[in-house]
Amino acid sequence: QVCRWGGVLPAEPEIIRNALTWPHPNNVTFIVPGGIAEIFLMRDDVEQVYVKRRKGFVKLALQAGVDLVPVYGLGHTQLFSTLDKSSRLGGLLMWLSRRLKVSLPLAAGRFGMPMVPYKKPVVAIVGKPIRIDAPVPEPTTEQIDAVHTAFVAELRRIFDKHKHLIPSYANKKLYFEDEEVPPRPKQINAATAHHLFPSTMPSRL
C-alpha cells in the first residue's frame, strides 16, 4: 500500500492499460521488464538485463499507441552487494521469489544494511523514442517483434555509447539473458573486497 501511495502499480496488463489513459503527464509509465528474473542477474563485474523474452510491454504500447523510450540505470549494480542466481542460495531465493511473486533478494549496502546503498554514482541514460504512430488494437507477432528488436538495439546502443560516464563501467559489456556470460572472477581485488557475498574467499586474510 505504501508503494501504491508513491505511484507504484502492479505490472498487470489491465492496470497498465488504464494508467496509459490518464491525462498527461500522469500517463507516463515506467516499466521494468526484467522483473524478479533480472534482480538475480545482478553482478558487480558485468551488466545483465532480462528483456529478450519480455514482449508484453511492447504489445501494450502498440495497443495504446504510445512511444517506447528505453532507459538504462547506469551504476545501479554497484549500489548493493547482491547474491545472484549463480550460487545455490541465490538460485533458491529466485525460485521462491517466482513462486511467491515477491522479490526476496539477499542484498546489503553500507554498514551491512539492506536499505543503505554504497556511495556510488548513478546515471540515468535515456534513449531515442521508439515511435508508435497510432494505436494497433490487435498487433501481429511481426509488428511486436519489429518494435521489440528496435527497443533492444537502442538499449544496447545507449549503454555502449555512455557507459564511460561512470569510469568503473567503461570496460563493461551488456549481456542479454540469451547470451553467455563469463563466470565470476575467482580473485577478489581491493575494489570488491568490501562485498558481503563474494563468489570465493581469498586463501589468505
N, C-alpha and C. Protein backbone atom coordinates (compact mmCIF):
# COMPACT_ATOMS: atom_id res chain seq x y z
N GLN A 1 0.82 -1.20 0.00
CA GLN A 1 0.00 0.00 0.00
C GLN A 1 0.86 1.26 0.00
N VAL A 2 1.97 1.22 0.76
CA VAL A 2 2.87 2.37 0.80
C VAL A 2 3.41 2.67 -0.59
N CYS A 3 3.80 1.61 -1.33
CA CYS A 3 4.31 1.77 -2.69
C CYS A 3 3.25 2.39 -3.61
N ARG A 4 2.02 1.96 -3.44
CA ARG A 4 0.95 2.49 -4.29
C ARG A 4 0.71 3.97 -4.03
N TRP A 5 0.87 4.39 -2.78
CA TRP A 5 0.75 5.82 -2.47
C TRP A 5 1.80 6.62 -3.23
N GLY A 6 2.94 6.00 -3.50
CA GLY A 6 4.01 6.67 -4.24
C GLY A 6 3.88 6.55 -5.74
N GLY A 7 2.79 5.95 -6.22
CA GLY A 7 2.56 5.85 -7.65
C GLY A 7 3.00 4.54 -8.26
N VAL A 8 3.43 3.57 -7.43
CA VAL A 8 3.86 2.27 -7.94
C VAL A 8 2.63 1.38 -8.13
N LEU A 9 2.54 0.76 -9.31
CA LEU A 9 1.38 -0.07 -9.63
C LEU A 9 1.83 -1.50 -9.97
N PRO A 10 0.97 -2.48 -9.78
CA PRO A 10 1.30 -3.86 -10.20
C PRO A 10 1.49 -3.91 -11.71
N ALA A 11 2.45 -4.70 -12.15
CA ALA A 11 2.73 -4.81 -13.60
C ALA A 11 1.76 -5.79 -14.24
N GLU A 12 0.49 -5.44 -14.22
CA GLU A 12 -0.55 -6.25 -14.82
C GLU A 12 -1.14 -5.53 -16.02
N PRO A 13 -1.41 -6.24 -17.11
CA PRO A 13 -1.84 -5.60 -18.36
C PRO A 13 -2.99 -4.60 -18.20
N GLU A 14 -4.05 -4.97 -17.50
CA GLU A 14 -5.20 -4.08 -17.38
C GLU A 14 -4.86 -2.82 -16.61
N ILE A 15 -4.04 -2.95 -15.58
CA ILE A 15 -3.65 -1.79 -14.78
C ILE A 15 -2.78 -0.86 -15.60
N ILE A 16 -1.87 -1.43 -16.40
CA ILE A 16 -1.00 -0.60 -17.25
C ILE A 16 -1.82 0.09 -18.33
N ARG A 17 -2.75 -0.64 -18.95
CA ARG A 17 -3.62 -0.02 -19.97
C ARG A 17 -4.38 1.17 -19.38
N ASN A 18 -4.87 1.01 -18.18
CA ASN A 18 -5.61 2.09 -17.54
C ASN A 18 -4.70 3.28 -17.25
N ALA A 19 -3.49 3.01 -16.78
CA ALA A 19 -2.55 4.09 -16.48
C ALA A 19 -2.19 4.90 -17.73
N LEU A 20 -2.11 4.23 -18.87
CA LEU A 20 -1.76 4.92 -20.11
C LEU A 20 -2.88 5.84 -20.62
N THR A 21 -4.06 5.73 -20.05
CA THR A 21 -5.18 6.59 -20.47
C THR A 21 -5.31 7.84 -19.60
N TRP A 22 -4.49 7.93 -18.54
CA TRP A 22 -4.59 9.09 -17.66
C TRP A 22 -4.12 10.35 -18.39
N PRO A 23 -4.55 11.54 -17.98
CA PRO A 23 -4.11 12.79 -18.60
C PRO A 23 -2.61 12.98 -18.45
N HIS A 24 -1.99 13.53 -19.47
CA HIS A 24 -0.55 13.82 -19.41
C HIS A 24 -0.28 14.88 -18.33
N PRO A 25 0.79 14.74 -17.53
CA PRO A 25 1.89 13.76 -17.62
C PRO A 25 1.68 12.51 -16.77
N ASN A 26 0.49 12.37 -16.19
CA ASN A 26 0.27 11.21 -15.32
C ASN A 26 0.24 9.89 -16.07
N ASN A 27 0.15 9.96 -17.40
CA ASN A 27 0.12 8.72 -18.18
C ASN A 27 1.52 8.21 -18.51
N VAL A 28 2.56 8.96 -18.15
CA VAL A 28 3.93 8.50 -18.39
C VAL A 28 4.19 7.33 -17.44
N THR A 29 4.43 6.17 -18.00
CA THR A 29 4.52 4.93 -17.22
C THR A 29 5.89 4.29 -17.36
N PHE A 30 6.53 4.03 -16.24
CA PHE A 30 7.83 3.36 -16.23
C PHE A 30 7.62 1.87 -15.97
N ILE A 31 8.17 1.03 -16.82
CA ILE A 31 8.05 -0.42 -16.66
C ILE A 31 9.45 -1.03 -16.61
N VAL A 32 9.65 -1.93 -15.67
CA VAL A 32 10.90 -2.68 -15.59
C VAL A 32 10.61 -4.09 -16.11
N PRO A 33 10.88 -4.34 -17.39
CA PRO A 33 10.51 -5.65 -17.99
C PRO A 33 11.18 -6.83 -17.32
N GLY A 34 12.40 -6.65 -16.81
CA GLY A 34 13.14 -7.78 -16.25
C GLY A 34 12.52 -8.38 -15.01
N GLY A 35 11.89 -7.55 -14.20
CA GLY A 35 11.21 -8.03 -13.01
C GLY A 35 12.10 -8.84 -12.07
N ILE A 36 11.51 -9.87 -11.47
CA ILE A 36 12.23 -10.69 -10.50
C ILE A 36 13.44 -11.38 -11.13
N ALA A 37 13.30 -11.85 -12.37
CA ALA A 37 14.40 -12.57 -13.03
C ALA A 37 15.66 -11.70 -13.10
N GLU A 38 15.48 -10.41 -13.38
CA GLU A 38 16.63 -9.53 -13.55
C GLU A 38 17.33 -9.23 -12.23
N ILE A 39 16.58 -9.23 -11.14
CA ILE A 39 17.18 -8.97 -9.84
C ILE A 39 18.29 -9.97 -9.54
N PHE A 40 18.05 -11.21 -9.93
CA PHE A 40 19.01 -12.28 -9.62
C PHE A 40 20.07 -12.44 -10.71
N LEU A 41 20.13 -11.49 -11.63
CA LEU A 41 21.22 -11.43 -12.60
C LEU A 41 22.25 -10.38 -12.19
N MET A 42 21.97 -9.63 -11.13
CA MET A 42 22.84 -8.52 -10.74
C MET A 42 24.20 -9.00 -10.25
N ARG A 43 25.24 -8.51 -10.94
CA ARG A 43 26.62 -8.76 -10.53
C ARG A 43 27.40 -7.47 -10.67
N ASP A 44 28.46 -7.33 -9.88
CA ASP A 44 29.23 -6.09 -9.93
C ASP A 44 30.26 -6.09 -11.05
N ASP A 45 30.50 -7.24 -11.70
CA ASP A 45 31.54 -7.31 -12.72
C ASP A 45 31.00 -7.28 -14.15
N VAL A 46 29.71 -7.55 -14.34
CA VAL A 46 29.10 -7.49 -15.67
C VAL A 46 27.71 -6.87 -15.53
N GLU A 47 27.17 -6.43 -16.68
CA GLU A 47 25.81 -5.89 -16.71
C GLU A 47 24.91 -6.87 -17.46
N GLN A 48 23.79 -7.23 -16.84
CA GLN A 48 22.87 -8.17 -17.46
C GLN A 48 21.45 -7.63 -17.38
N VAL A 49 20.70 -7.81 -18.46
CA VAL A 49 19.30 -7.42 -18.47
C VAL A 49 18.45 -8.57 -19.00
N TYR A 50 17.22 -8.65 -18.51
CA TYR A 50 16.30 -9.69 -18.93
C TYR A 50 15.17 -9.01 -19.71
N VAL A 51 15.31 -8.98 -21.03
CA VAL A 51 14.31 -8.27 -21.84
C VAL A 51 14.01 -8.97 -23.16
N LYS A 52 14.89 -9.86 -23.59
CA LYS A 52 14.68 -10.52 -24.88
C LYS A 52 13.38 -11.33 -24.91
N ARG A 53 13.04 -11.94 -23.78
CA ARG A 53 11.85 -12.78 -23.72
C ARG A 53 10.62 -12.02 -23.22
N ARG A 54 10.77 -10.74 -22.94
CA ARG A 54 9.67 -9.94 -22.42
C ARG A 54 9.15 -9.02 -23.53
N LYS A 55 8.00 -9.34 -24.05
CA LYS A 55 7.44 -8.56 -25.15
C LYS A 55 6.05 -8.01 -24.85
N GLY A 56 5.53 -8.33 -23.67
CA GLY A 56 4.20 -7.86 -23.31
C GLY A 56 4.09 -6.35 -23.27
N PHE A 57 5.16 -5.68 -22.78
CA PHE A 57 5.13 -4.22 -22.70
C PHE A 57 5.09 -3.59 -24.09
N VAL A 58 5.68 -4.27 -25.07
CA VAL A 58 5.65 -3.77 -26.45
C VAL A 58 4.23 -3.87 -27.00
N LYS A 59 3.58 -4.98 -26.74
CA LYS A 59 2.20 -5.16 -27.19
C LYS A 59 1.29 -4.09 -26.59
N LEU A 60 1.47 -3.80 -25.31
CA LEU A 60 0.66 -2.77 -24.65
C LEU A 60 0.89 -1.40 -25.27
N ALA A 61 2.16 -1.09 -25.60
CA ALA A 61 2.47 0.20 -26.21
C ALA A 61 1.82 0.32 -27.59
N LEU A 62 1.86 -0.75 -28.36
CA LEU A 62 1.23 -0.74 -29.68
C LEU A 62 -0.29 -0.56 -29.56
N GLN A 63 -0.89 -1.26 -28.63
CA GLN A 63 -2.34 -1.16 -28.46
C GLN A 63 -2.77 0.23 -28.02
N ALA A 64 -1.95 0.86 -27.19
CA ALA A 64 -2.28 2.19 -26.68
C ALA A 64 -1.83 3.31 -27.63
N GLY A 65 -0.94 2.97 -28.57
CA GLY A 65 -0.43 3.99 -29.49
C GLY A 65 0.51 4.96 -28.82
N VAL A 66 1.33 4.47 -27.89
CA VAL A 66 2.27 5.33 -27.16
C VAL A 66 3.71 4.94 -27.50
N ASP A 67 4.59 5.92 -27.46
CA ASP A 67 6.00 5.67 -27.75
C ASP A 67 6.66 4.87 -26.63
N LEU A 68 7.70 4.12 -26.99
CA LEU A 68 8.54 3.41 -26.03
C LEU A 68 9.88 4.13 -25.95
N VAL A 69 10.32 4.46 -24.73
CA VAL A 69 11.59 5.16 -24.55
C VAL A 69 12.51 4.28 -23.70
N PRO A 70 13.56 3.70 -24.28
CA PRO A 70 14.49 2.88 -23.49
C PRO A 70 15.26 3.75 -22.48
N VAL A 71 15.35 3.28 -21.26
CA VAL A 71 16.10 3.97 -20.21
C VAL A 71 16.97 2.95 -19.50
N TYR A 72 18.24 3.30 -19.27
CA TYR A 72 19.14 2.39 -18.56
C TYR A 72 19.71 3.10 -17.34
N GLY A 73 19.60 2.44 -16.18
CA GLY A 73 20.17 2.99 -14.95
C GLY A 73 21.60 2.54 -14.78
N LEU A 74 22.53 3.36 -15.22
CA LEU A 74 23.94 3.01 -15.16
C LEU A 74 24.47 3.23 -13.74
N GLY A 75 25.03 2.19 -13.16
CA GLY A 75 25.60 2.30 -11.82
C GLY A 75 24.80 1.62 -10.74
N HIS A 76 23.59 1.17 -11.07
CA HIS A 76 22.74 0.60 -10.03
C HIS A 76 23.26 -0.74 -9.50
N THR A 77 24.05 -1.46 -10.32
CA THR A 77 24.53 -2.77 -9.88
C THR A 77 25.66 -2.68 -8.86
N GLN A 78 26.17 -1.47 -8.61
CA GLN A 78 27.23 -1.33 -7.62
C GLN A 78 26.72 -0.68 -6.32
N LEU A 79 25.41 -0.50 -6.22
CA LEU A 79 24.83 0.12 -5.03
C LEU A 79 24.71 -0.86 -3.87
N PHE A 80 24.58 -2.16 -4.19
CA PHE A 80 24.42 -3.17 -3.15
C PHE A 80 25.24 -4.41 -3.53
N SER A 81 25.64 -5.15 -2.51
CA SER A 81 26.21 -6.48 -2.72
C SER A 81 25.03 -7.45 -2.77
N THR A 82 24.88 -8.13 -3.89
CA THR A 82 23.70 -8.97 -4.09
C THR A 82 24.09 -10.41 -4.39
N LEU A 83 23.37 -11.33 -3.79
CA LEU A 83 23.59 -12.74 -4.07
C LEU A 83 22.83 -13.09 -5.34
N ASP A 84 23.54 -13.43 -6.41
CA ASP A 84 22.87 -13.71 -7.68
C ASP A 84 22.56 -15.20 -7.82
N LYS A 85 21.94 -15.56 -8.93
CA LYS A 85 21.44 -16.93 -9.10
C LYS A 85 22.54 -17.97 -9.32
N SER A 86 23.80 -17.53 -9.46
CA SER A 86 24.88 -18.49 -9.70
C SER A 86 25.20 -19.32 -8.45
N SER A 87 24.79 -18.83 -7.29
CA SER A 87 25.01 -19.59 -6.06
C SER A 87 23.76 -20.41 -5.73
N ARG A 88 23.91 -21.41 -4.91
CA ARG A 88 22.78 -22.26 -4.55
C ARG A 88 21.71 -21.47 -3.80
N LEU A 89 22.15 -20.66 -2.85
CA LEU A 89 21.19 -19.88 -2.08
C LEU A 89 20.51 -18.85 -2.97
N GLY A 90 21.29 -18.21 -3.86
CA GLY A 90 20.69 -17.25 -4.78
C GLY A 90 19.67 -17.89 -5.70
N GLY A 91 19.99 -19.10 -6.18
CA GLY A 91 19.05 -19.82 -7.04
C GLY A 91 17.78 -20.18 -6.29
N LEU A 92 17.94 -20.56 -5.01
CA LEU A 92 16.77 -20.89 -4.19
C LEU A 92 15.90 -19.66 -3.97
N LEU A 93 16.52 -18.53 -3.69
CA LEU A 93 15.76 -17.30 -3.46
C LEU A 93 15.03 -16.86 -4.73
N MET A 94 15.66 -17.07 -5.89
CA MET A 94 14.99 -16.73 -7.15
C MET A 94 13.77 -17.62 -7.35
N TRP A 95 13.92 -18.92 -7.07
CA TRP A 95 12.81 -19.85 -7.22
C TRP A 95 11.66 -19.47 -6.28
N LEU A 96 11.99 -19.15 -5.03
CA LEU A 96 10.97 -18.75 -4.07
C LEU A 96 10.29 -17.45 -4.49
N SER A 97 11.08 -16.52 -5.00
CA SER A 97 10.53 -15.24 -5.43
C SER A 97 9.51 -15.43 -6.54
N ARG A 98 9.82 -16.31 -7.48
CA ARG A 98 8.90 -16.56 -8.58
C ARG A 98 7.64 -17.27 -8.10
N ARG A 99 7.80 -18.22 -7.20
CA ARG A 99 6.64 -18.95 -6.70
C ARG A 99 5.72 -18.05 -5.89
N LEU A 100 6.32 -17.18 -5.07
CA LEU A 100 5.53 -16.32 -4.19
C LEU A 100 5.16 -14.99 -4.84
N LYS A 101 5.76 -14.73 -6.03
CA LYS A 101 5.51 -13.47 -6.76
C LYS A 101 5.87 -12.25 -5.92
N VAL A 102 7.00 -12.35 -5.24
CA VAL A 102 7.53 -11.25 -4.45
C VAL A 102 9.05 -11.34 -4.48
N SER A 103 9.72 -10.20 -4.54
CA SER A 103 11.18 -10.20 -4.63
C SER A 103 11.80 -10.51 -3.27
N LEU A 104 12.68 -11.50 -3.24
CA LEU A 104 13.34 -11.90 -2.00
C LEU A 104 14.86 -11.94 -2.19
N PRO A 105 15.46 -10.86 -2.66
CA PRO A 105 16.92 -10.87 -2.86
C PRO A 105 17.65 -10.72 -1.54
N LEU A 106 18.84 -11.31 -1.47
CA LEU A 106 19.71 -11.13 -0.31
C LEU A 106 20.75 -10.09 -0.71
N ALA A 107 20.56 -8.86 -0.23
CA ALA A 107 21.43 -7.76 -0.64
C ALA A 107 21.71 -6.86 0.54
N ALA A 108 22.88 -6.24 0.52
CA ALA A 108 23.26 -5.32 1.59
C ALA A 108 24.15 -4.22 1.03
N GLY A 109 24.11 -3.08 1.67
CA GLY A 109 24.92 -1.94 1.26
C GLY A 109 25.87 -1.54 2.37
N ARG A 110 25.97 -0.24 2.60
CA ARG A 110 26.86 0.26 3.65
C ARG A 110 26.43 -0.25 5.03
N PHE A 111 27.42 -0.52 5.86
CA PHE A 111 27.21 -0.99 7.22
C PHE A 111 26.47 -2.33 7.26
N GLY A 112 26.43 -3.03 6.11
CA GLY A 112 25.73 -4.29 6.05
C GLY A 112 24.22 -4.16 6.10
N MET A 113 23.74 -2.94 5.85
CA MET A 113 22.30 -2.68 5.92
C MET A 113 21.63 -2.94 4.58
N PRO A 114 20.42 -3.53 4.57
CA PRO A 114 19.75 -3.85 3.31
C PRO A 114 19.19 -2.64 2.57
N MET A 115 18.96 -1.53 3.24
CA MET A 115 18.34 -0.37 2.60
C MET A 115 19.26 0.83 2.50
N VAL A 116 20.56 0.63 2.77
CA VAL A 116 21.52 1.74 2.74
C VAL A 116 22.55 1.45 1.65
N PRO A 117 22.41 2.05 0.47
CA PRO A 117 23.32 1.74 -0.64
C PRO A 117 24.72 2.29 -0.42
N TYR A 118 25.68 1.70 -1.11
CA TYR A 118 27.02 2.25 -1.13
C TYR A 118 27.00 3.61 -1.81
N LYS A 119 27.94 4.46 -1.46
CA LYS A 119 28.01 5.79 -2.07
C LYS A 119 28.69 5.67 -3.44
N LYS A 120 27.89 5.43 -4.46
CA LYS A 120 28.38 5.24 -5.82
C LYS A 120 27.56 6.12 -6.77
N PRO A 121 28.17 6.57 -7.87
CA PRO A 121 27.42 7.39 -8.83
C PRO A 121 26.42 6.58 -9.63
N VAL A 122 25.32 7.19 -9.98
CA VAL A 122 24.28 6.57 -10.81
C VAL A 122 23.89 7.56 -11.91
N VAL A 123 23.79 7.06 -13.12
CA VAL A 123 23.41 7.90 -14.26
C VAL A 123 22.23 7.26 -14.98
N ALA A 124 21.18 8.04 -15.23
CA ALA A 124 20.04 7.56 -16.00
C ALA A 124 20.26 7.92 -17.46
N ILE A 125 20.39 6.91 -18.32
CA ILE A 125 20.61 7.12 -19.74
C ILE A 125 19.29 6.96 -20.48
N VAL A 126 18.88 7.98 -21.20
CA VAL A 126 17.61 7.97 -21.91
C VAL A 126 17.86 7.85 -23.41
N GLY A 127 17.27 6.85 -24.03
CA GLY A 127 17.47 6.61 -25.45
C GLY A 127 16.48 7.36 -26.33
N LYS A 128 16.59 7.13 -27.62
CA LYS A 128 15.66 7.73 -28.58
C LYS A 128 14.31 6.99 -28.52
N PRO A 129 13.22 7.73 -28.59
CA PRO A 129 11.90 7.08 -28.53
C PRO A 129 11.67 6.14 -29.72
N ILE A 130 11.06 5.01 -29.44
CA ILE A 130 10.60 4.11 -30.49
C ILE A 130 9.17 4.56 -30.82
N ARG A 131 8.99 5.20 -31.95
CA ARG A 131 7.72 5.85 -32.27
C ARG A 131 6.62 4.85 -32.61
N ILE A 132 5.47 5.07 -32.00
CA ILE A 132 4.25 4.31 -32.33
C ILE A 132 3.26 5.35 -32.85
N ASP A 133 3.05 5.38 -34.15
CA ASP A 133 2.28 6.45 -34.78
C ASP A 133 0.79 6.44 -34.42
N ALA A 134 0.22 5.26 -34.25
CA ALA A 134 -1.21 5.16 -33.97
C ALA A 134 -1.49 3.85 -33.24
N PRO A 135 -2.58 3.79 -32.48
CA PRO A 135 -2.92 2.54 -31.79
C PRO A 135 -3.13 1.39 -32.76
N VAL A 136 -2.68 0.22 -32.33
CA VAL A 136 -2.88 -1.01 -33.10
C VAL A 136 -3.64 -1.97 -32.18
N PRO A 137 -4.96 -2.03 -32.27
CA PRO A 137 -5.76 -2.84 -31.33
C PRO A 137 -5.34 -4.30 -31.26
N GLU A 138 -4.99 -4.88 -32.40
CA GLU A 138 -4.58 -6.29 -32.43
C GLU A 138 -3.24 -6.41 -33.17
N PRO A 139 -2.15 -6.06 -32.52
CA PRO A 139 -0.85 -6.12 -33.19
C PRO A 139 -0.45 -7.55 -33.54
N THR A 140 0.16 -7.71 -34.70
CA THR A 140 0.62 -9.03 -35.12
C THR A 140 1.95 -9.36 -34.45
N THR A 141 2.32 -10.62 -34.52
CA THR A 141 3.61 -11.04 -33.97
C THR A 141 4.75 -10.30 -34.65
N GLU A 142 4.63 -10.09 -35.95
CA GLU A 142 5.67 -9.39 -36.71
C GLU A 142 5.80 -7.94 -36.23
N GLN A 143 4.68 -7.28 -35.99
CA GLN A 143 4.74 -5.89 -35.51
C GLN A 143 5.37 -5.81 -34.12
N ILE A 144 5.00 -6.72 -33.26
CA ILE A 144 5.57 -6.74 -31.91
C ILE A 144 7.07 -7.00 -31.96
N ASP A 145 7.47 -7.97 -32.78
CA ASP A 145 8.89 -8.31 -32.89
C ASP A 145 9.71 -7.14 -33.45
N ALA A 146 9.15 -6.42 -34.41
CA ALA A 146 9.87 -5.30 -35.02
C ALA A 146 10.14 -4.20 -34.01
N VAL A 147 9.13 -3.84 -33.23
CA VAL A 147 9.29 -2.79 -32.22
C VAL A 147 10.22 -3.28 -31.10
N HIS A 148 10.05 -4.52 -30.70
CA HIS A 148 10.89 -5.08 -29.64
C HIS A 148 12.36 -5.11 -30.05
N THR A 149 12.63 -5.49 -31.29
CA THR A 149 14.00 -5.52 -31.80
C THR A 149 14.62 -4.12 -31.77
N ALA A 150 13.83 -3.13 -32.16
CA ALA A 150 14.31 -1.74 -32.14
C ALA A 150 14.60 -1.29 -30.71
N PHE A 151 13.75 -1.67 -29.79
CA PHE A 151 13.93 -1.31 -28.38
C PHE A 151 15.22 -1.90 -27.83
N VAL A 152 15.44 -3.19 -28.06
CA VAL A 152 16.63 -3.87 -27.57
C VAL A 152 17.90 -3.27 -28.17
N ALA A 153 17.86 -2.98 -29.47
CA ALA A 153 19.02 -2.39 -30.14
C ALA A 153 19.35 -1.02 -29.57
N GLU A 154 18.33 -0.22 -29.29
CA GLU A 154 18.55 1.12 -28.74
C GLU A 154 19.07 1.04 -27.31
N LEU A 155 18.61 0.07 -26.55
CA LEU A 155 19.09 -0.11 -25.18
C LEU A 155 20.59 -0.41 -25.18
N ARG A 156 21.01 -1.30 -26.07
CA ARG A 156 22.44 -1.62 -26.16
C ARG A 156 23.24 -0.43 -26.68
N ARG A 157 22.69 0.31 -27.62
CA ARG A 157 23.41 1.46 -28.18
C ARG A 157 23.70 2.51 -27.11
N ILE A 158 22.69 2.85 -26.31
CA ILE A 158 22.91 3.90 -25.31
C ILE A 158 23.86 3.41 -24.21
N PHE A 159 23.82 2.12 -23.91
CA PHE A 159 24.76 1.60 -22.91
C PHE A 159 26.20 1.72 -23.43
N ASP A 160 26.43 1.22 -24.65
CA ASP A 160 27.78 1.25 -25.20
C ASP A 160 28.29 2.67 -25.40
N LYS A 161 27.41 3.58 -25.74
CA LYS A 161 27.82 4.96 -26.01
C LYS A 161 28.14 5.75 -24.74
N HIS A 162 27.41 5.47 -23.68
CA HIS A 162 27.51 6.31 -22.48
C HIS A 162 28.08 5.62 -21.26
N LYS A 163 28.47 4.37 -21.35
CA LYS A 163 28.95 3.66 -20.17
C LYS A 163 30.20 4.29 -19.55
N HIS A 164 30.95 5.05 -20.35
CA HIS A 164 32.16 5.70 -19.85
C HIS A 164 31.85 6.79 -18.82
N LEU A 165 30.60 7.21 -18.74
CA LEU A 165 30.23 8.27 -17.80
C LEU A 165 30.51 7.86 -16.35
N ILE A 166 30.51 6.55 -16.11
CA ILE A 166 30.96 6.03 -14.82
C ILE A 166 32.23 5.23 -15.09
N PRO A 167 33.39 5.74 -14.69
CA PRO A 167 34.67 5.12 -15.06
C PRO A 167 34.74 3.61 -14.82
N SER A 168 34.18 3.12 -13.73
CA SER A 168 34.26 1.69 -13.44
C SER A 168 33.43 0.84 -14.41
N TYR A 169 32.59 1.48 -15.22
CA TYR A 169 31.76 0.77 -16.19
C TYR A 169 32.32 0.84 -17.61
N ALA A 170 33.39 1.59 -17.79
CA ALA A 170 33.90 1.86 -19.14
C ALA A 170 34.23 0.60 -19.93
N ASN A 171 34.71 -0.44 -19.25
CA ASN A 171 35.10 -1.68 -19.93
C ASN A 171 34.07 -2.79 -19.78
N LYS A 172 32.92 -2.47 -19.24
CA LYS A 172 31.89 -3.49 -19.05
C LYS A 172 31.13 -3.73 -20.35
N LYS A 173 30.57 -4.93 -20.44
CA LYS A 173 29.75 -5.30 -21.59
C LYS A 173 28.34 -5.61 -21.11
N LEU A 174 27.36 -5.24 -21.91
CA LEU A 174 25.97 -5.52 -21.58
C LEU A 174 25.56 -6.87 -22.18
N TYR A 175 25.04 -7.74 -21.32
CA TYR A 175 24.59 -9.06 -21.76
C TYR A 175 23.07 -9.17 -21.61
N PHE A 176 22.44 -9.76 -22.63
CA PHE A 176 21.02 -10.10 -22.51
C PHE A 176 20.91 -11.53 -22.03
N GLU A 177 19.71 -11.93 -21.60
CA GLU A 177 19.55 -13.22 -20.92
C GLU A 177 19.85 -14.42 -21.80
N ASP A 178 19.84 -14.24 -23.12
CA ASP A 178 20.13 -15.37 -24.01
C ASP A 178 21.59 -15.40 -24.45
N GLU A 179 22.42 -14.57 -23.84
CA GLU A 179 23.84 -14.52 -24.19
C GLU A 179 24.68 -15.15 -23.07
N GLU A 180 25.76 -15.81 -23.46
CA GLU A 180 26.62 -16.47 -22.49
C GLU A 180 27.42 -15.44 -21.70
N VAL A 181 27.34 -15.54 -20.40
CA VAL A 181 28.02 -14.60 -19.50
C VAL A 181 29.24 -15.28 -18.90
N PRO A 182 30.39 -14.60 -18.87
CA PRO A 182 31.59 -15.21 -18.27
C PRO A 182 31.38 -15.46 -16.78
N PRO A 183 32.04 -16.49 -16.24
CA PRO A 183 31.90 -16.77 -14.80
C PRO A 183 32.49 -15.64 -13.97
N ARG A 184 32.06 -15.58 -12.73
CA ARG A 184 32.60 -14.57 -11.82
C ARG A 184 34.11 -14.74 -11.67
N PRO A 185 34.84 -13.64 -11.56
CA PRO A 185 36.29 -13.75 -11.31
C PRO A 185 36.55 -14.50 -10.01
N LYS A 186 37.58 -15.33 -9.99
CA LYS A 186 37.89 -16.11 -8.80
C LYS A 186 38.67 -15.31 -7.78
N GLN A 187 39.38 -14.28 -8.24
CA GLN A 187 40.16 -13.46 -7.33
C GLN A 187 39.33 -12.29 -6.85
N ILE A 188 39.53 -11.91 -5.64
CA ILE A 188 38.86 -10.73 -5.08
C ILE A 188 39.90 -9.63 -5.00
N ASN A 189 39.61 -8.52 -5.68
CA ASN A 189 40.56 -7.42 -5.64
C ASN A 189 40.11 -6.39 -4.61
N ALA A 190 40.90 -5.34 -4.47
CA ALA A 190 40.62 -4.33 -3.45
C ALA A 190 39.30 -3.64 -3.68
N ALA A 191 38.89 -3.52 -4.96
CA ALA A 191 37.67 -2.79 -5.27
C ALA A 191 36.43 -3.54 -4.83
N THR A 192 36.51 -4.88 -4.75
CA THR A 192 35.32 -5.66 -4.41
C THR A 192 35.45 -6.37 -3.07
N ALA A 193 36.53 -6.12 -2.35
CA ALA A 193 36.76 -6.84 -1.11
C ALA A 193 35.74 -6.51 -0.05
N HIS A 194 35.05 -5.37 -0.17
CA HIS A 194 34.08 -4.96 0.84
C HIS A 194 32.74 -5.68 0.67
N HIS A 195 32.57 -6.41 -0.40
CA HIS A 195 31.29 -7.04 -0.65
C HIS A 195 31.03 -8.17 0.34
N LEU A 196 29.78 -8.29 0.75
CA LEU A 196 29.42 -9.30 1.73
C LEU A 196 29.25 -10.68 1.13
N PHE A 197 28.99 -10.75 -0.19
CA PHE A 197 28.68 -12.02 -0.83
C PHE A 197 29.64 -12.31 -1.98
N PRO A 198 30.96 -12.39 -1.73
CA PRO A 198 31.87 -12.72 -2.83
C PRO A 198 31.66 -14.15 -3.29
N SER A 199 32.02 -14.43 -4.57
CA SER A 199 31.86 -15.78 -5.09
C SER A 199 32.86 -16.74 -4.48
N THR A 200 34.05 -16.23 -4.12
CA THR A 200 35.05 -17.07 -3.45
C THR A 200 35.74 -16.23 -2.39
N MET A 201 36.29 -16.87 -1.40
CA MET A 201 37.02 -16.16 -0.36
C MET A 201 38.52 -16.24 -0.64
N PRO A 202 39.27 -15.19 -0.29
CA PRO A 202 40.71 -15.25 -0.53
C PRO A 202 41.36 -16.34 0.32
N SER A 203 42.46 -16.91 -0.19
CA SER A 203 43.13 -18.00 0.53
C SER A 203 43.80 -17.52 1.80
N ARG A 204 44.21 -16.24 1.79
CA ARG A 204 44.84 -15.67 3.00
C ARG A 204 44.16 -14.35 3.34
N LEU A 205 43.92 -14.15 4.60
CA LEU A 205 43.27 -12.92 5.06
C LEU A 205 44.27 -12.09 5.83
